[in-house]
Amino acid sequence: MSDCINCGAPLPPNSIVCSYCKTRQDIDLKGLYKHKVVKPETERICPRCDKPLQTIDLKLEGPFFIERCEECLGLFFDPGELEAVLDKTVSNVYRIDSAQIDDLNRMKRSADYPVAYIKCPVCRKFMNRVNFGTRSGVIVDTCKEDGIWLDGGELRQLMEWMKAGGQILHQKTELEAERIKRQELERKLREKAAANTGMQAHGYGEGFGNYSSSGFDGSDLFGIITRVLGGIFRF
């Protein structure tokens, strides 16, 4: 259990807000990135505090700009930026720690915010709530066009998930899903081929061919069927 950086009191489990002095703890960036604020206010609006976000430079092998709310410490990533940050921060992971991933997946965040849809900092449309990766335990708010919002503390949890082999697990899960999808498609193609073979064996293919050769094509057949049904249902 961590202690509050302001008053020293123990933090509530899975929360970044001190119960005593209400100070928010910057556990996502502290000790990881020597970031600096390059623009105190932007046109992008915090979906939690409804205030302008600031642009910060994480300096990941050169300039790397993301947005952060100075008040709630939430982070906004343009498309592809979150994955890039995780890849550059966590490396040399070669095995899956299933027990650790299970612990992270069961971890319930403290009720810092009510469960609700929030607006994209850019387009101001409501974002979708999506479970990041496979069994990460983090529900991110995502806008398909503009990017991903993480509440304070969620970036750190995603890093722990990566360290436990979460990305490897996610890739294996996607490959298995693709394999099953491919097998299902192959099964349907085999069934269709077998059905076509059966029709030909019973002479259906030849029958249709005879109609065509005698000048009785598909459009004629469709016209007959239409007239017959019209006579029955009078439409």
C-alpha atoms as a PDB file:
ATOM      1  CA  MET A   1       0.000   0.000   0.000  1.00  0.00           C
ATOM      2  CA  SER A   2       1.357   3.426  -0.957  1.00  0.00           C
ATOM      3  CA  ASP A   3       1.305   6.554   1.167  1.00  0.00           C
ATOM      4  CA  CYS A   4       0.040   9.985   0.206  1.00  0.00           C
ATOM      5  CA  ILE A   5       2.796  12.224  -1.140  1.00  0.00           C
ATOM      6  CA  ASN A   6       1.212  15.193   0.643  1.00  0.00           C
ATOM      7  CA  CYS A   7       0.196  14.067   4.144  1.00  0.00           C
ATOM      8  CA  GLY A   8       1.734  10.594   4.369  1.00  0.00           C
ATOM      9  CA  ALA A   9      -1.544   8.810   5.081  1.00  0.00           C
ATOM     10  CA  PRO A  10      -2.040   5.363   3.509  1.00  0.00           C
ATOM     11  CA  LEU A  11      -3.922   5.497   0.209  1.00  0.00           C
ATOM     12  CA  PRO A  12      -7.158   3.543  -0.206  1.00  0.00           C
ATOM     13  CA  PRO A  13      -6.722   0.311  -2.191  1.00  0.00           C
ATOM     14  CA  ASN A  14      -6.620   0.882  -5.956  1.00  0.00           C
ATOM     15  CA  SER A  15      -7.169   4.623  -5.612  1.00  0.00           C
ATOM     16  CA  ILE A  16      -4.934   7.603  -6.327  1.00  0.00           C
ATOM     17  CA  VAL A  17      -6.926   9.973  -4.106  1.00  0.00           C
ATOM     18  CA  CYS A  18      -5.985  10.401  -0.430  1.00  0.00           C
ATOM     19  CA  SER A  19      -8.965   9.899   1.876  1.00  0.00           C
ATOM     20  CA  TYR A  20      -7.678  12.538   4.297  1.00  0.00           C
ATOM     21  CA  CYS A  21      -6.293  15.466   2.294  1.00  0.00           C
ATOM     22  CA  LYS A  22      -7.917  14.556  -1.068  1.00  0.00           C
ATOM     23  CA  THR A  23      -4.593  14.954  -2.901  1.00  0.00           C
ATOM     24  CA  ARG A  24      -4.323  13.095  -6.187  1.00  0.00           C
ATOM     25  CA  GLN A  25      -1.177  11.069  -6.663  1.00  0.00           C
ATOM     26  CA  ASP A  26       0.643  11.177 -10.001  1.00  0.00           C
ATOM     27  CA  ILE A  27       1.525   7.487 -10.046  1.00  0.00           C
ATOM     28  CA  ASP A  28       1.379   7.235 -13.836  1.00  0.00           C
ATOM     29  CA  LEU A  29       4.260   9.539 -14.728  1.00  0.00           C
ATOM     30  CA  LYS A  30       6.215  10.045 -11.503  1.00  0.00           C
ATOM     31  CA  GLY A  31       9.527   8.231 -11.648  1.00  0.00           C
ATOM     32  CA  LEU A  32       8.944   7.042 -15.197  1.00  0.00           C
ATOM     33  CA  TYR A  33       9.103  10.043 -17.481  1.00  0.00           C
ATOM     34  CA  LYS A  34      10.942  13.335 -17.108  1.00  0.00           C
ATOM     35  CA  HIS A  35       8.084  15.111 -18.752  1.00  0.00           C
ATOM     36  CA  LYS A  36       7.631  18.834 -19.103  1.00  0.00           C
ATOM     37  CA  VAL A  37       4.648  21.012 -19.876  1.00  0.00           C
ATOM     38  CA  VAL A  38       5.002  22.550 -23.333  1.00  0.00           C
ATOM     39  CA  LYS A  39       1.541  24.138 -23.517  1.00  0.00           C
ATOM     40  CA  PRO A  40      -0.414  24.948 -20.330  1.00  0.00           C
ATOM     41  CA  GLU A  41      -3.795  25.075 -22.081  1.00  0.00           C
ATOM     42  CA  THR A  42      -5.094  23.552 -25.300  1.00  0.00           C
ATOM     43  CA  GLU A  43      -8.405  23.422 -27.135  1.00  0.00           C
ATOM     44  CA  ARG A  44      -8.889  19.877 -25.903  1.00  0.00           C
ATOM     45  CA  ILE A  45     -11.186  19.635 -22.882  1.00  0.00           C
ATOM     46  CA  CYS A  46     -10.899  17.242 -19.925  1.00  0.00           C
ATOM     47  CA  PRO A  47     -13.944  14.939 -19.941  1.00  0.00           C
ATOM     48  CA  ARG A  48     -13.839  14.754 -16.144  1.00  0.00           C
ATOM     49  CA  CYS A  49     -13.149  18.340 -15.083  1.00  0.00           C
ATOM     50  CA  ASP A  50     -14.411  20.216 -18.181  1.00  0.00           C
ATOM     51  CA  LYS A  51     -11.204  22.286 -18.228  1.00  0.00           C
ATOM     52  CA  PRO A  52      -8.552  22.731 -20.964  1.00  0.00           C
ATOM     53  CA  LEU A  53      -5.953  19.977 -21.094  1.00  0.00           C
ATOM     54  CA  GLN A  54      -2.256  20.772 -21.074  1.00  0.00           C
ATOM     55  CA  THR A  55       0.225  19.349 -23.568  1.00  0.00           C
ATOM     56  CA  ILE A  56       3.203  17.544 -22.054  1.00  0.00           C
ATOM     57  CA  ASP A  57       6.310  16.078 -23.648  1.00  0.00           C
ATOM     58  CA  LEU A  58       7.248  12.604 -22.365  1.00  0.00           C
ATOM     59  CA  LYS A  59      10.601  12.727 -24.213  1.00  0.00           C
ATOM     60  CA  LEU A  60      10.515   9.117 -25.384  1.00  0.00           C
ATOM     61  CA  GLU A  61      13.588   8.885 -27.606  1.00  0.00           C
ATOM     62  CA  GLY A  62      12.771  12.394 -28.746  1.00  0.00           C
ATOM     63  CA  PRO A  63       9.700  14.645 -28.423  1.00  0.00           C
ATOM     64  CA  PHE A  64       6.504  12.734 -27.615  1.00  0.00           C
ATOM     65  CA  PHE A  65       3.444  14.878 -26.925  1.00  0.00           C
ATOM     66  CA  ILE A  66       0.266  13.821 -25.139  1.00  0.00           C
ATOM     67  CA  GLU A  67      -2.419  15.710 -23.208  1.00  0.00           C
ATOM     68  CA  ARG A  68      -2.969  15.672 -19.465  1.00  0.00           C
ATOM     69  CA  CYS A  69      -5.425  17.265 -17.049  1.00  0.00           C
ATOM     70  CA  GLU A  70      -3.533  19.109 -14.351  1.00  0.00           C
ATOM     71  CA  GLU A  71      -6.424  18.650 -11.925  1.00  0.00           C
ATOM     72  CA  CYS A  72      -7.531  15.002 -12.225  1.00  0.00           C
ATOM     73  CA  LEU A  73      -4.286  13.741 -13.841  1.00  0.00           C
ATOM     74  CA  GLY A  74      -6.156  11.945 -16.618  1.00  0.00           C
ATOM     75  CA  LEU A  75      -4.260  11.366 -19.870  1.00  0.00           C
ATOM     76  CA  PHE A  76      -5.362  11.589 -23.500  1.00  0.00           C
ATOM     77  CA  PHE A  77      -3.552   9.753 -26.302  1.00  0.00           C
ATOM     78  CA  ASP A  78      -4.007  10.241 -30.027  1.00  0.00           C
ATOM     79  CA  PRO A  79      -4.561   6.995 -32.017  1.00  0.00           C
ATOM     80  CA  GLY A  80      -1.538   4.716 -31.653  1.00  0.00           C
ATOM     81  CA  GLU A  81       0.162   6.791 -28.947  1.00  0.00           C
ATOM     82  CA  LEU A  82      -0.861   4.645 -25.966  1.00  0.00           C
ATOM     83  CA  GLU A  83       0.461   1.492 -27.617  1.00  0.00           C
ATOM     84  CA  ALA A  84       3.712   3.323 -28.452  1.00  0.00           C
ATOM     85  CA  VAL A  85       4.138   4.482 -24.837  1.00  0.00           C
ATOM     86  CA  LEU A  86       3.572   0.964 -23.490  1.00  0.00           C
ATOM     87  CA  ASP A  87       5.979  -0.575 -26.004  1.00  0.00           C
ATOM     88  CA  LYS A  88       8.718   1.952 -25.221  1.00  0.00           C
ATOM     89  CA  THR A  89       8.220   1.692 -21.459  1.00  0.00           C
ATOM     90  CA  VAL A  90       7.916  -2.071 -20.996  1.00  0.00           C
ATOM     91  CA  SER A  91      10.293  -4.366 -22.863  1.00  0.00           C
ATOM     92  CA  ASN A  92      12.054  -7.727 -22.572  1.00  0.00           C
ATOM     93  CA  VAL A  93       8.912  -9.602 -21.521  1.00  0.00           C
ATOM     94  CA  TYR A  94       8.956 -13.191 -22.757  1.00  0.00           C
ATOM     95  CA  ARG A  95       6.510 -15.126 -20.584  1.00  0.00           C
ATOM     96  CA  ILE A  96       2.951 -14.860 -19.279  1.00  0.00           C
ATOM     97  CA  ASP A  97       2.453 -14.561 -15.517  1.00  0.00           C
ATOM     98  CA  SER A  98      -1.120 -15.856 -15.374  1.00  0.00           C
ATOM     99  CA  ALA A  99      -1.463 -15.353 -11.624  1.00  0.00           C
ATOM    100  CA  GLN A 100      -0.438 -11.692 -11.868  1.00  0.00           C
ATOM    101  CA  ILE A 101      -2.760 -11.107 -14.815  1.00  0.00           C
ATOM    102  CA  ASP A 102      -5.612 -12.714 -12.877  1.00  0.00           C
ATOM    103  CA  ASP A 103      -4.927 -10.387  -9.942  1.00  0.00           C
ATOM    104  CA  LEU A 104      -4.925  -7.340 -12.223  1.00  0.00           C
ATOM    105  CA  ASN A 105      -8.113  -8.480 -13.962  1.00  0.00           C
ATOM    106  CA  ARG A 106      -9.883  -8.921 -10.620  1.00  0.00           C
ATOM    107  CA  MET A 107      -8.653  -5.578  -9.344  1.00  0.00           C
ATOM    108  CA  LYS A 108     -11.529  -3.182  -8.862  1.00  0.00           C
ATOM    109  CA  ARG A 109     -10.721   0.486  -9.055  1.00  0.00           C
ATOM    110  CA  SER A 110     -11.887   2.631  -6.185  1.00  0.00           C
ATOM    111  CA  ALA A 111     -15.006   4.626  -7.025  1.00  0.00           C
ATOM    112  CA  ASP A 112     -13.103   7.825  -7.898  1.00  0.00           C
ATOM    113  CA  TYR A 113     -15.676   8.364 -10.655  1.00  0.00           C
ATOM    114  CA  PRO A 114     -19.131   6.922 -11.311  1.00  0.00           C
ATOM    115  CA  VAL A 115     -19.446   4.504 -14.220  1.00  0.00           C
ATOM    116  CA  ALA A 116     -20.642   6.706 -17.078  1.00  0.00           C
ATOM    117  CA  TYR A 117     -19.957   7.580 -20.685  1.00  0.00           C
ATOM    118  CA  ILE A 118     -17.752  10.645 -21.054  1.00  0.00           C
ATOM    119  CA  LYS A 119     -17.105  13.005 -23.965  1.00  0.00           C
ATOM    120  CA  CYS A 120     -14.084  12.930 -26.244  1.00  0.00           C
ATOM    121  CA  PRO A 121     -11.683  15.817 -25.482  1.00  0.00           C
ATOM    122  CA  VAL A 122     -11.515  16.611 -29.217  1.00  0.00           C
ATOM    123  CA  CYS A 123     -14.890  16.078 -30.919  1.00  0.00           C
ATOM    124  CA  ARG A 124     -16.958  16.175 -27.687  1.00  0.00           C
ATOM    125  CA  LYS A 125     -18.965  13.121 -28.706  1.00  0.00           C
ATOM    126  CA  PHE A 126     -19.544  10.369 -26.177  1.00  0.00           C
ATOM    127  CA  MET A 127     -16.788   7.780 -26.239  1.00  0.00           C
ATOM    128  CA  ASN A 128     -17.116   4.004 -26.077  1.00  0.00           C
ATOM    129  CA  ARG A 129     -16.042   2.024 -23.019  1.00  0.00           C
ATOM    130  CA  VAL A 130     -13.716  -0.773 -24.138  1.00  0.00           C
ATOM    131  CA  ASN A 131     -11.779  -3.413 -22.224  1.00  0.00           C
ATOM    132  CA  PHE A 132      -8.153  -2.817 -23.219  1.00  0.00           C
ATOM    133  CA  GLY A 133      -6.410  -5.950 -24.469  1.00  0.00           C
ATOM    134  CA  THR A 134      -7.143  -9.357 -22.967  1.00  0.00           C
ATOM    135  CA  ARG A 135      -7.810  -9.491 -19.222  1.00  0.00           C
ATOM    136  CA  SER A 136      -6.086  -6.207 -18.426  1.00  0.00           C
ATOM    137  CA  GLY A 137      -8.795  -5.133 -16.003  1.00  0.00           C
ATOM    138  CA  VAL A 138      -8.770  -1.614 -17.475  1.00  0.00           C
ATOM    139  CA  ILE A 139     -11.846  -0.203 -19.195  1.00  0.00           C
ATOM    140  CA  VAL A 140     -10.647   2.659 -21.388  1.00  0.00           C
ATOM    141  CA  ASP A 141     -12.746   5.406 -22.950  1.00  0.00           C
ATOM    142  CA  THR A 142     -12.066   5.500 -26.658  1.00  0.00           C
ATOM    143  CA  CYS A 143     -13.042   7.644 -29.633  1.00  0.00           C
ATOM    144  CA  LYS A 144     -12.469   5.839 -32.921  1.00  0.00           C
ATOM    145  CA  GLU A 145     -11.398   9.010 -34.687  1.00  0.00           C
ATOM    146  CA  ASP A 146      -9.496  10.931 -32.005  1.00  0.00           C
ATOM    147  CA  GLY A 147      -7.937   8.642 -29.397  1.00  0.00           C
ATOM    148  CA  ILE A 148      -8.055   7.108 -25.914  1.00  0.00           C
ATOM    149  CA  TRP A 149      -8.664   8.618 -22.486  1.00  0.00           C
ATOM    150  CA  LEU A 150      -7.170   7.067 -19.336  1.00  0.00           C
ATOM    151  CA  ASP A 151      -8.147   8.123 -15.846  1.00  0.00           C
ATOM    152  CA  GLY A 152      -5.349   8.651 -13.362  1.00  0.00           C
ATOM    153  CA  GLY A 153      -3.726   5.360 -12.344  1.00  0.00           C
ATOM    154  CA  GLU A 154      -4.879   3.366 -15.360  1.00  0.00           C
ATOM    155  CA  LEU A 155      -1.639   3.834 -17.303  1.00  0.00           C
ATOM    156  CA  ARG A 156       0.305   2.343 -14.402  1.00  0.00           C
ATOM    157  CA  GLN A 157      -2.042  -0.673 -14.302  1.00  0.00           C
ATOM    158  CA  LEU A 158      -1.594  -1.225 -18.041  1.00  0.00           C
ATOM    159  CA  MET A 159       2.169  -1.157 -17.539  1.00  0.00           C
ATOM    160  CA  GLU A 160       1.873  -3.826 -14.839  1.00  0.00           C
ATOM    161  CA  TRP A 161      -0.287  -5.853 -17.232  1.00  0.00           C
ATOM    162  CA  MET A 162       2.399  -5.562 -19.905  1.00  0.00           C
ATOM    163  CA  LYS A 163       5.104  -6.641 -17.440  1.00  0.00           C
ATOM    164  CA  ALA A 164       3.025  -9.723 -16.585  1.00  0.00           C
ATOM    165  CA  GLY A 165       2.946 -10.726 -20.245  1.00  0.00           C
ATOM    166  CA  GLY A 166      -0.474  -9.273 -20.977  1.00  0.00           C
ATOM    167  CA  GLN A 167       0.457  -8.212 -24.493  1.00  0.00           C
ATOM    168  CA  ILE A 168       1.755 -11.702 -25.268  1.00  0.00           C
ATOM    169  CA  LEU A 169      -1.514 -13.175 -23.953  1.00  0.00           C
ATOM    170  CA  HIS A 170      -3.521 -10.725 -26.046  1.00  0.00           C
ATOM    171  CA  GLN A 171      -1.614 -11.648 -29.211  1.00  0.00           C
ATOM    172  CA  LYS A 172      -2.077 -15.366 -28.540  1.00  0.00           C
ATOM    173  CA  THR A 173      -5.809 -14.830 -27.957  1.00  0.00           C
ATOM    174  CA  GLU A 174      -6.160 -12.904 -31.215  1.00  0.00           C
ATOM    175  CA  LEU A 175      -4.270 -15.596 -33.161  1.00  0.00           C
ATOM    176  CA  GLU A 176      -6.481 -18.317 -31.675  1.00  0.00           C
ATOM    177  CA  ALA A 177      -9.630 -16.352 -32.547  1.00  0.00           C
ATOM    178  CA  GLU A 178      -8.345 -15.916 -36.100  1.00  0.00           C
ATOM    179  CA  ARG A 179      -7.583 -19.652 -36.349  1.00  0.00           C
ATOM    180  CA  ILE A 180     -11.103 -20.554 -35.217  1.00  0.00           C
ATOM    181  CA  LYS A 181     -12.599 -18.039 -37.645  1.00  0.00           C
ATOM    182  CA  ARG A 182     -10.550 -19.481 -40.502  1.00  0.00           C
ATOM    183  CA  GLN A 183     -11.588 -23.045 -39.602  1.00  0.00           C
ATOM    184  CA  GLU A 184     -15.255 -22.021 -39.551  1.00  0.00           C
ATOM    185  CA  LEU A 185     -14.911 -20.388 -42.977  1.00  0.00           C
ATOM    186  CA  GLU A 186     -13.236 -23.508 -44.385  1.00  0.00           C
ATOM    187  CA  ARG A 187     -16.025 -25.687 -42.946  1.00  0.00           C
ATOM    188  CA  LYS A 188     -18.702 -23.557 -44.622  1.00  0.00           C
ATOM    189  CA  LEU A 189     -16.846 -23.688 -47.944  1.00  0.00           C
ATOM    190  CA  ARG A 190     -16.608 -27.485 -47.727  1.00  0.00           C
ATOM    191  CA  GLU A 191     -20.322 -27.753 -46.939  1.00  0.00           C
ATOM    192  CA  LYS A 192     -21.177 -25.501 -49.868  1.00  0.00           C
ATOM    193  CA  ALA A 193     -18.955 -27.499 -52.200  1.00  0.00           C
ATOM    194  CA  ALA A 194     -20.547 -30.749 -51.022  1.00  0.00           C
ATOM    195  CA  ALA A 195     -24.025 -29.318 -51.539  1.00  0.00           C
ATOM    196  CA  ASN A 196     -23.148 -28.239 -55.095  1.00  0.00           C
ATOM    197  CA  THR A 197     -21.728 -31.687 -55.827  1.00  0.00           C
ATOM    198  CA  GLY A 198     -24.934 -33.282 -54.548  1.00  0.00           C
ATOM    199  CA  MET A 199     -27.094 -31.092 -56.804  1.00  0.00           C
ATOM    200  CA  GLN A 200     -25.038 -32.017 -59.836  1.00  0.00           C
ATOM    201  CA  ALA A 201     -25.252 -35.723 -58.930  1.00  0.00           C
ATOM    202  CA  HIS A 202     -29.071 -35.493 -58.946  1.00  0.00           C
ATOM    203  CA  GLY A 203     -29.107 -33.769 -62.320  1.00  0.00           C
ATOM    204  CA  TYR A 204     -30.131 -30.324 -61.124  1.00  0.00           C
ATOM    205  CA  GLY A 205     -27.206 -28.732 -62.834  1.00  0.00           C
ATOM    206  CA  GLU A 206     -28.042 -30.428 -66.142  1.00  0.00           C
ATOM    207  CA  GLY A 207     -31.681 -29.430 -65.883  1.00  0.00           C
ATOM    208  CA  PHE A 208     -30.862 -25.769 -65.565  1.00  0.00           C
ATOM    209  CA  GLY A 209     -28.443 -26.148 -68.421  1.00  0.00           C
ATOM    210  CA  ASN A 210     -31.187 -27.571 -70.651  1.00  0.00           C
ATOM    211  CA  TYR A 211     -33.440 -24.633 -69.872  1.00  0.00           C
ATOM    212  CA  SER A 212     -30.714 -22.265 -70.921  1.00  0.00           C
ATOM    213  CA  SER A 213     -29.953 -24.130 -74.133  1.00  0.00           C
ATOM    214  CA  SER A 214     -33.619 -24.148 -75.157  1.00  0.00           C
ATOM    215  CA  GLY A 215     -33.938 -20.425 -74.728  1.00  0.00           C
ATOM    216  CA  PHE A 216     -35.611 -20.700 -71.291  1.00  0.00           C
ATOM    217  CA  ASP A 217     -33.288 -18.506 -69.223  1.00  0.00           C
ATOM    218  CA  GLY A 218     -33.401 -17.292 -65.621  1.00  0.00           C
ATOM    219  CA  SER A 219     -35.415 -14.179 -66.445  1.00  0.00           C
ATOM    220  CA  ASP A 220     -38.181 -16.310 -67.998  1.00  0.00           C
ATOM    221  CA  LEU A 221     -38.325 -18.494 -64.923  1.00  0.00           C
ATOM    222  CA  PHE A 222     -38.482 -15.439 -62.658  1.00  0.00           C
ATOM    223  CA  GLY A 223     -41.355 -14.016 -64.735  1.00  0.00           C
ATOM    224  CA  ILE A 224     -43.353 -17.235 -64.475  1.00  0.00           C
ATOM    225  CA  ILE A 225     -42.860 -17.426 -60.713  1.00  0.00           C
ATOM    226  CA  THR A 226     -43.894 -13.793 -60.334  1.00  0.00           C
ATOM    227  CA  ARG A 227     -47.108 -14.288 -62.348  1.00  0.00           C
ATOM    228  CA  VAL A 228     -48.034 -17.410 -60.417  1.00  0.00           C
ATOM    229  CA  LEU A 229     -47.518 -15.738 -57.043  1.00  0.00           C
ATOM    230  CA  GLY A 230     -49.403 -12.693 -58.286  1.00  0.00           C
ATOM    231  CA  GLY A 231     -52.365 -14.830 -59.149  1.00  0.00           C
ATOM    232  CA  ILE A 232     -52.330 -16.458 -55.740  1.00  0.00           C
ATOM    233  CA  PHE A 233     -51.817 -13.395 -53.583  1.00  0.00           C
ATOM    234  CA  ARG A 234     -53.212 -10.781 -56.041  1.00  0.00           C
ATOM    235  CA  PHE A 235     -50.492  -8.169 -55.555  1.00  0.00           C
END
